Every structure is written in structure tokens, then in C-alpha cells.
N, C-alpha and C. Protein backbone atom coordinates (compact mmCIF):
# COMPACT_ATOMS: atom_id res chain seq x y z
N UNK A 1 -9.57 26.92 9.70
CA UNK A 1 -10.44 27.66 8.81
C UNK A 1 -11.78 27.77 9.55
N UNK A 2 -12.31 26.68 10.19
CA UNK A 2 -13.57 26.78 10.92
C UNK A 2 -13.56 27.81 12.03
N UNK A 3 -12.37 27.92 12.72
CA UNK A 3 -12.23 28.87 13.74
C UNK A 3 -12.34 30.27 13.23
N UNK A 4 -11.78 30.53 12.05
CA UNK A 4 -11.93 31.81 11.39
C UNK A 4 -13.37 32.10 11.02
N UNK A 5 -14.07 31.15 10.53
CA UNK A 5 -15.45 31.33 10.22
C UNK A 5 -16.24 31.61 11.40
N UNK A 6 -15.97 30.88 12.45
CA UNK A 6 -16.68 31.16 13.72
C UNK A 6 -16.46 32.51 14.27
N UNK A 7 -15.25 33.05 14.03
CA UNK A 7 -14.90 34.40 14.51
C UNK A 7 -15.63 35.50 13.79
N UNK A 8 -15.79 35.33 12.53
CA UNK A 8 -16.42 36.40 11.75
C UNK A 8 -17.93 36.29 11.63
N UNK A 9 -18.48 35.11 11.93
CA UNK A 9 -19.93 34.99 11.90
C UNK A 9 -20.64 35.63 13.06
N UNK A 10 -21.65 36.41 12.77
CA UNK A 10 -22.34 37.14 13.82
C UNK A 10 -23.07 36.19 14.75
N UNK A 11 -23.24 36.63 16.06
CA UNK A 11 -23.98 35.74 16.94
C UNK A 11 -25.35 35.47 16.32
N UNK A 12 -25.73 34.16 16.43
CA UNK A 12 -26.97 33.66 15.87
C UNK A 12 -26.93 33.58 14.37
N UNK A 13 -25.81 33.89 13.81
CA UNK A 13 -25.58 33.76 12.34
C UNK A 13 -25.61 32.29 11.91
N UNK A 14 -25.94 32.04 10.67
CA UNK A 14 -25.98 30.68 10.12
C UNK A 14 -24.86 30.47 9.08
N UNK A 15 -24.41 29.21 9.07
CA UNK A 15 -23.38 28.88 8.09
C UNK A 15 -23.86 27.55 7.45
N UNK A 16 -23.96 27.52 6.07
CA UNK A 16 -24.36 26.31 5.34
C UNK A 16 -23.17 25.70 4.72
N UNK A 17 -22.89 24.42 4.97
CA UNK A 17 -21.80 23.73 4.42
C UNK A 17 -22.30 22.51 3.66
N UNK A 18 -21.89 22.40 2.43
CA UNK A 18 -22.27 21.23 1.60
C UNK A 18 -21.03 20.33 1.54
N UNK A 19 -21.14 19.07 1.92
CA UNK A 19 -20.00 18.17 1.96
C UNK A 19 -20.42 16.77 1.66
N UNK A 20 -19.46 16.06 0.98
CA UNK A 20 -19.65 14.67 0.69
C UNK A 20 -19.20 13.90 1.92
N UNK A 21 -19.95 12.84 2.34
CA UNK A 21 -19.59 12.09 3.48
C UNK A 21 -19.60 10.61 3.09
N UNK A 22 -18.97 9.82 3.94
CA UNK A 22 -18.95 8.35 3.73
C UNK A 22 -19.60 7.71 5.00
N UNK A 23 -20.05 6.46 4.80
CA UNK A 23 -20.59 5.71 5.93
C UNK A 23 -19.44 5.32 6.82
N UNK A 24 -19.84 5.02 8.14
CA UNK A 24 -18.85 4.59 9.14
C UNK A 24 -18.10 3.34 8.59
N UNK A 25 -16.80 3.35 8.67
CA UNK A 25 -16.01 2.16 8.24
C UNK A 25 -15.65 2.18 6.76
N UNK A 26 -16.26 3.04 6.01
CA UNK A 26 -16.03 3.12 4.59
C UNK A 26 -14.82 3.99 4.29
N UNK A 27 -14.11 3.74 3.35
CA UNK A 27 -12.91 4.50 2.93
C UNK A 27 -13.12 5.00 1.51
N UNK A 28 -13.09 6.34 1.32
CA UNK A 28 -13.20 6.93 0.01
C UNK A 28 -12.39 8.17 0.01
N UNK A 29 -11.92 8.46 -1.18
CA UNK A 29 -11.12 9.73 -1.29
C UNK A 29 -11.77 10.63 -2.37
N UNK A 30 -11.58 11.89 -2.33
CA UNK A 30 -12.13 12.73 -3.33
C UNK A 30 -11.32 12.50 -4.66
N UNK A 31 -12.01 12.65 -5.71
CA UNK A 31 -11.34 12.43 -7.06
C UNK A 31 -10.54 13.58 -7.48
N UNK A 32 -10.76 14.75 -6.82
CA UNK A 32 -9.99 15.94 -7.22
C UNK A 32 -8.69 16.15 -6.53
N UNK A 33 -8.67 15.84 -5.21
CA UNK A 33 -7.42 16.14 -4.55
C UNK A 33 -6.91 14.93 -3.65
N UNK A 34 -7.56 13.80 -3.85
CA UNK A 34 -7.15 12.50 -3.24
C UNK A 34 -7.12 12.54 -1.70
N UNK A 35 -8.00 13.40 -1.03
CA UNK A 35 -8.11 13.46 0.35
C UNK A 35 -9.27 12.52 0.85
N UNK A 36 -9.08 11.91 1.97
CA UNK A 36 -10.14 11.06 2.44
C UNK A 36 -11.39 11.88 2.84
N UNK A 37 -12.57 11.26 2.61
CA UNK A 37 -13.80 11.95 3.03
C UNK A 37 -14.09 11.67 4.49
N UNK A 38 -14.82 12.58 5.15
CA UNK A 38 -15.24 12.35 6.54
C UNK A 38 -16.57 11.63 6.59
N UNK A 39 -16.73 10.98 7.77
CA UNK A 39 -18.01 10.48 8.12
C UNK A 39 -18.89 11.62 8.64
N UNK A 40 -20.21 11.46 8.64
CA UNK A 40 -21.05 12.47 9.26
C UNK A 40 -20.70 12.73 10.68
N UNK A 41 -20.38 11.66 11.47
CA UNK A 41 -20.05 11.87 12.86
C UNK A 41 -18.81 12.66 13.02
N UNK A 42 -17.79 12.43 12.17
CA UNK A 42 -16.50 13.19 12.21
C UNK A 42 -16.77 14.65 11.95
N UNK A 43 -17.58 14.99 10.92
CA UNK A 43 -17.93 16.36 10.64
C UNK A 43 -18.68 16.99 11.80
N UNK A 44 -19.66 16.31 12.39
CA UNK A 44 -20.44 16.85 13.50
C UNK A 44 -19.45 17.23 14.62
N UNK A 45 -18.53 16.27 14.94
CA UNK A 45 -17.54 16.53 16.02
C UNK A 45 -16.70 17.77 15.70
N UNK A 46 -16.24 17.84 14.46
CA UNK A 46 -15.37 18.91 14.04
C UNK A 46 -16.16 20.26 14.16
N UNK A 47 -17.39 20.31 13.71
CA UNK A 47 -18.15 21.56 13.87
C UNK A 47 -18.36 21.89 15.33
N UNK A 48 -18.79 21.02 16.11
CA UNK A 48 -19.10 21.31 17.48
C UNK A 48 -17.87 21.71 18.27
N UNK A 49 -16.73 21.05 18.03
CA UNK A 49 -15.46 21.39 18.68
C UNK A 49 -14.98 22.73 18.24
N UNK A 50 -15.46 23.32 17.17
CA UNK A 50 -15.09 24.68 16.70
C UNK A 50 -16.09 25.67 17.08
N UNK A 51 -17.03 25.38 18.01
CA UNK A 51 -18.01 26.42 18.51
C UNK A 51 -19.26 26.53 17.71
N UNK A 52 -19.63 25.57 16.80
CA UNK A 52 -20.87 25.69 16.12
C UNK A 52 -21.93 24.72 16.69
N UNK A 53 -23.14 25.12 16.69
CA UNK A 53 -24.25 24.24 17.00
C UNK A 53 -24.86 23.81 15.65
N UNK A 54 -25.15 22.50 15.57
CA UNK A 54 -25.71 21.94 14.39
C UNK A 54 -27.22 22.07 14.42
N UNK A 55 -27.81 22.81 13.52
CA UNK A 55 -29.26 23.07 13.46
C UNK A 55 -29.90 21.99 12.60
N UNK A 56 -29.25 21.56 11.52
CA UNK A 56 -29.93 20.53 10.65
C UNK A 56 -28.84 19.86 9.82
N UNK A 57 -29.12 18.64 9.43
CA UNK A 57 -28.28 17.93 8.45
C UNK A 57 -29.31 17.31 7.49
N UNK A 58 -29.17 17.68 6.23
CA UNK A 58 -30.10 17.11 5.23
C UNK A 58 -29.34 16.48 4.06
N UNK A 59 -29.98 15.49 3.43
CA UNK A 59 -29.43 14.95 2.26
C UNK A 59 -29.73 15.88 1.11
N UNK A 60 -28.68 16.22 0.34
CA UNK A 60 -28.81 17.04 -0.79
C UNK A 60 -29.31 16.25 -1.97
N UNK A 61 -28.76 15.09 -2.21
CA UNK A 61 -29.15 14.21 -3.29
C UNK A 61 -29.21 12.80 -2.72
N UNK A 62 -29.46 11.86 -3.57
CA UNK A 62 -29.57 10.47 -3.10
C UNK A 62 -28.23 9.82 -2.86
N UNK A 63 -27.18 10.46 -3.26
CA UNK A 63 -25.84 9.96 -3.03
C UNK A 63 -25.36 10.30 -1.65
N UNK A 64 -24.07 10.63 -1.46
CA UNK A 64 -23.49 10.87 -0.15
C UNK A 64 -23.34 12.35 0.12
N UNK A 65 -24.03 13.25 -0.48
CA UNK A 65 -23.81 14.69 -0.36
C UNK A 65 -24.84 15.16 0.71
N UNK A 66 -24.33 15.90 1.75
CA UNK A 66 -25.19 16.43 2.83
C UNK A 66 -24.99 17.92 2.94
N UNK A 67 -26.06 18.51 3.43
CA UNK A 67 -26.00 20.05 3.77
C UNK A 67 -26.03 20.08 5.30
N UNK A 68 -25.05 20.75 5.85
CA UNK A 68 -25.05 20.97 7.28
C UNK A 68 -25.38 22.46 7.52
N UNK A 69 -26.33 22.73 8.44
CA UNK A 69 -26.76 24.02 8.76
C UNK A 69 -26.24 24.24 10.17
N UNK A 70 -25.28 25.20 10.31
CA UNK A 70 -24.64 25.45 11.58
C UNK A 70 -25.04 26.86 12.09
N UNK A 71 -24.97 26.96 13.44
CA UNK A 71 -25.26 28.27 14.01
C UNK A 71 -24.12 28.62 14.98
N UNK A 72 -23.77 29.91 15.04
CA UNK A 72 -22.76 30.39 15.89
C UNK A 72 -23.27 30.19 17.37
N UNK A 73 -22.38 29.64 18.24
CA UNK A 73 -22.74 29.46 19.62
C UNK A 73 -22.17 30.49 20.49
């Protein structure tokens, strides 16, 4: 899916992703689909390996929700 987003995003285009993350070594799953959550490092690696440059990562709330701002490379 990230490869598809990268393909349709214009050069210098921005992509905003809101995602829940866990701390390194912590194990949590989503309550909706029972999938494990990623760490911030895992998401950074995933985005970079799919051709995105990470512009910013910000906490959305005081919990574990983050906003990733990505740019087409």
C-alpha cells in the first residue's frame, strides 16, 4: 500500500499518517483487529524503505498516537 501511495504522490508532495505506536520492547495489539502495533522506529524504517522522507513526527495526544509527515523522495 505504501508503494502505491508513493507512486501516486506528486514529487515534493506530502503525506500525513496518524498511527498509534508502542515503546521499544512493548507488546500491544489494536482493540479493533487484534494486530500488533509498530514502534516508531519500525514505522520510520517502513516509510523510508518505501521511498518517503520523514519531515516530522509529532505527538498528537499525550498517549501513544503520533502524526508522521512524509515527503515523496
